[in-house]
Amino acid sequence: ESMALGVKTFVLFPKVPDELKTNLGVEAYNPAGIVPRALRMIKEQYPDAVLCTDVALDPYSDQGHDGVVEDGKILNDVTITQLCKQAVCQARAGSDVVAPSDMMDGRVKAI
């Protein structure tokens, strides 16, 4: 219905089940995860849709942070690696725009 009304751009934000959340947020780059599956399904049905995805670990983190946490500190370099994996996974699944909402210390540049 949205496409028929001229709304062709959508942003996907996941609600990840708690049992899939980890400190490293590995579900963020699972090709069979909720966002990649949704991207593929939407693109199959609506190839002209423009799909944007959020690049951030907080939906996937059991700590609730945008970064990987160890001993109460955010591990920036580890987090950057995880976010880059997430961005690549989303792009491969069909995201037209990977949009990092997490903008700490060099993360946007790395993505």
Foldseek 3Di string as FASTA:
>chain_A
DCVVVVQQEDEDDDQDDLVQAALLLQLLQDCPHDLLVVQLVCCVVPVRHAYEYEQFRQSRHNVNHSARDDPRDGDVVSSLVSSVSNQVSNVVSHHNHYHYPDDPDCNVVSD
